[in-house]
Amino acid sequence: MSDSTFAIITFLGGLLTIFCAVKDCDWFMTAHKARFFVKLFGREVARIFYVLLGAVLIVLSLIIAF
């Protein structure tokens, strides 16, 4: 897989993560791995965590791309 393909996939993953956290998508927040954070911190803090995670993924994709 080339760097540009990986950067695009990472960018889209970051966008999806931010979108689902902001919109409070039930299917996203009840997924197996997300349930751990929701149970540990509560839904609101987990949503903030996922927005930050999405931002990190977007920044990472931009670093990879350039």
C-alpha atoms as a PDB file:
ATOM      1  CA  MET A   1       0.000   0.000   0.000  1.00  0.00           C
ATOM      2  CA  SER A   2       1.420   3.353  -0.972  1.00  0.00           C
ATOM      3  CA  ASP A   3       1.783   6.262   1.421  1.00  0.00           C
ATOM      4  CA  SER A   4      -0.867   8.322  -0.357  1.00  0.00           C
ATOM      5  CA  THR A   5      -3.429   5.509  -0.120  1.00  0.00           C
ATOM      6  CA  PHE A   6      -2.690   5.066   3.571  1.00  0.00           C
ATOM      7  CA  ALA A   7      -2.985   8.833   4.108  1.00  0.00           C
ATOM      8  CA  ILE A   8      -6.386   8.940   2.386  1.00  0.00           C
ATOM      9  CA  ILE A   9      -7.726   5.981   4.381  1.00  0.00           C
ATOM     10  CA  THR A  10      -6.449   7.513   7.629  1.00  0.00           C
ATOM     11  CA  PHE A  11      -7.980  10.892   6.745  1.00  0.00           C
ATOM     12  CA  LEU A  12     -11.361   9.332   5.953  1.00  0.00           C
ATOM     13  CA  GLY A  13     -11.214   7.312   9.162  1.00  0.00           C
ATOM     14  CA  GLY A  14     -10.570  10.491  11.127  1.00  0.00           C
ATOM     15  CA  LEU A  15     -13.489  12.246   9.446  1.00  0.00           C
ATOM     16  CA  LEU A  16     -15.798   9.314  10.161  1.00  0.00           C
ATOM     17  CA  THR A  17     -14.699   9.192  13.788  1.00  0.00           C
ATOM     18  CA  ILE A  18     -15.311  12.909  14.307  1.00  0.00           C
ATOM     19  CA  PHE A  19     -18.649  12.819  12.465  1.00  0.00           C
ATOM     20  CA  CYS A  20     -19.950   9.882  14.501  1.00  0.00           C
ATOM     21  CA  ALA A  21     -18.784  11.373  17.793  1.00  0.00           C
ATOM     22  CA  VAL A  22     -20.341  14.783  17.080  1.00  0.00           C
ATOM     23  CA  LYS A  23     -23.621  13.303  15.803  1.00  0.00           C
ATOM     24  CA  ASP A  24     -23.637  10.778  18.678  1.00  0.00           C
ATOM     25  CA  CYS A  25     -24.260   7.860  16.337  1.00  0.00           C
ATOM     26  CA  ASP A  26     -25.630   5.032  18.415  1.00  0.00           C
ATOM     27  CA  TRP A  27     -24.151   2.312  16.189  1.00  0.00           C
ATOM     28  CA  PHE A  28     -20.698   3.837  16.620  1.00  0.00           C
ATOM     29  CA  MET A  29     -20.862   4.402  20.365  1.00  0.00           C
ATOM     30  CA  THR A  30     -22.225   0.913  21.063  1.00  0.00           C
ATOM     31  CA  ALA A  31     -19.592  -0.864  18.976  1.00  0.00           C
ATOM     32  CA  HIS A  32     -17.465  -3.384  20.863  1.00  0.00           C
ATOM     33  CA  LYS A  33     -14.356  -1.226  21.274  1.00  0.00           C
ATOM     34  CA  ALA A  34     -16.258   2.008  21.927  1.00  0.00           C
ATOM     35  CA  ARG A  35     -18.356   0.384  24.665  1.00  0.00           C
ATOM     36  CA  PHE A  36     -15.210   0.015  26.752  1.00  0.00           C
ATOM     37  CA  PHE A  37     -14.616   3.803  26.766  1.00  0.00           C
ATOM     38  CA  VAL A  38     -18.306   4.561  27.265  1.00  0.00           C
ATOM     39  CA  LYS A  39     -18.449   2.234  30.250  1.00  0.00           C
ATOM     40  CA  LEU A  40     -15.187   3.551  31.676  1.00  0.00           C
ATOM     41  CA  PHE A  41     -15.694   7.316  31.220  1.00  0.00           C
ATOM     42  CA  GLY A  42     -19.325   7.861  30.293  1.00  0.00           C
ATOM     43  CA  ARG A  43     -20.769   8.654  26.888  1.00  0.00           C
ATOM     44  CA  GLU A  44     -19.955  12.396  26.827  1.00  0.00           C
ATOM     45  CA  VAL A  45     -16.290  11.959  27.727  1.00  0.00           C
ATOM     46  CA  ALA A  46     -16.020   9.077  25.250  1.00  0.00           C
ATOM     47  CA  ARG A  47     -17.416  11.343  22.526  1.00  0.00           C
ATOM     48  CA  ILE A  48     -14.779  13.979  23.344  1.00  0.00           C
ATOM     49  CA  PHE A  49     -12.117  11.270  23.241  1.00  0.00           C
ATOM     50  CA  TYR A  50     -13.270  10.160  19.796  1.00  0.00           C
ATOM     51  CA  VAL A  51     -13.290  13.719  18.454  1.00  0.00           C
ATOM     52  CA  LEU A  52      -9.703  14.105  19.637  1.00  0.00           C
ATOM     53  CA  LEU A  53      -8.783  10.712  18.185  1.00  0.00           C
ATOM     54  CA  GLY A  54     -10.279  11.730  14.846  1.00  0.00           C
ATOM     55  CA  ALA A  55      -8.281  14.957  14.896  1.00  0.00           C
ATOM     56  CA  VAL A  56      -5.090  13.002  15.579  1.00  0.00           C
ATOM     57  CA  LEU A  57      -5.861  10.693  12.652  1.00  0.00           C
ATOM     58  CA  ILE A  58      -6.398  13.667  10.344  1.00  0.00           C
ATOM     59  CA  VAL A  59      -3.138  15.312  11.427  1.00  0.00           C
ATOM     60  CA  LEU A  60      -1.335  11.988  11.015  1.00  0.00           C
ATOM     61  CA  SER A  61      -2.728  11.608   7.493  1.00  0.00           C
ATOM     62  CA  LEU A  62      -1.560  15.112   6.568  1.00  0.00           C
ATOM     63  CA  ILE A  63       1.937  14.355   7.891  1.00  0.00           C
ATOM     64  CA  ILE A  64       2.043  11.149   5.869  1.00  0.00           C
ATOM     65  CA  ALA A  65       0.767  12.883   2.731  1.00  0.00           C
ATOM     66  CA  PHE A  66       3.336  15.669   2.865  1.00  0.00           C
END
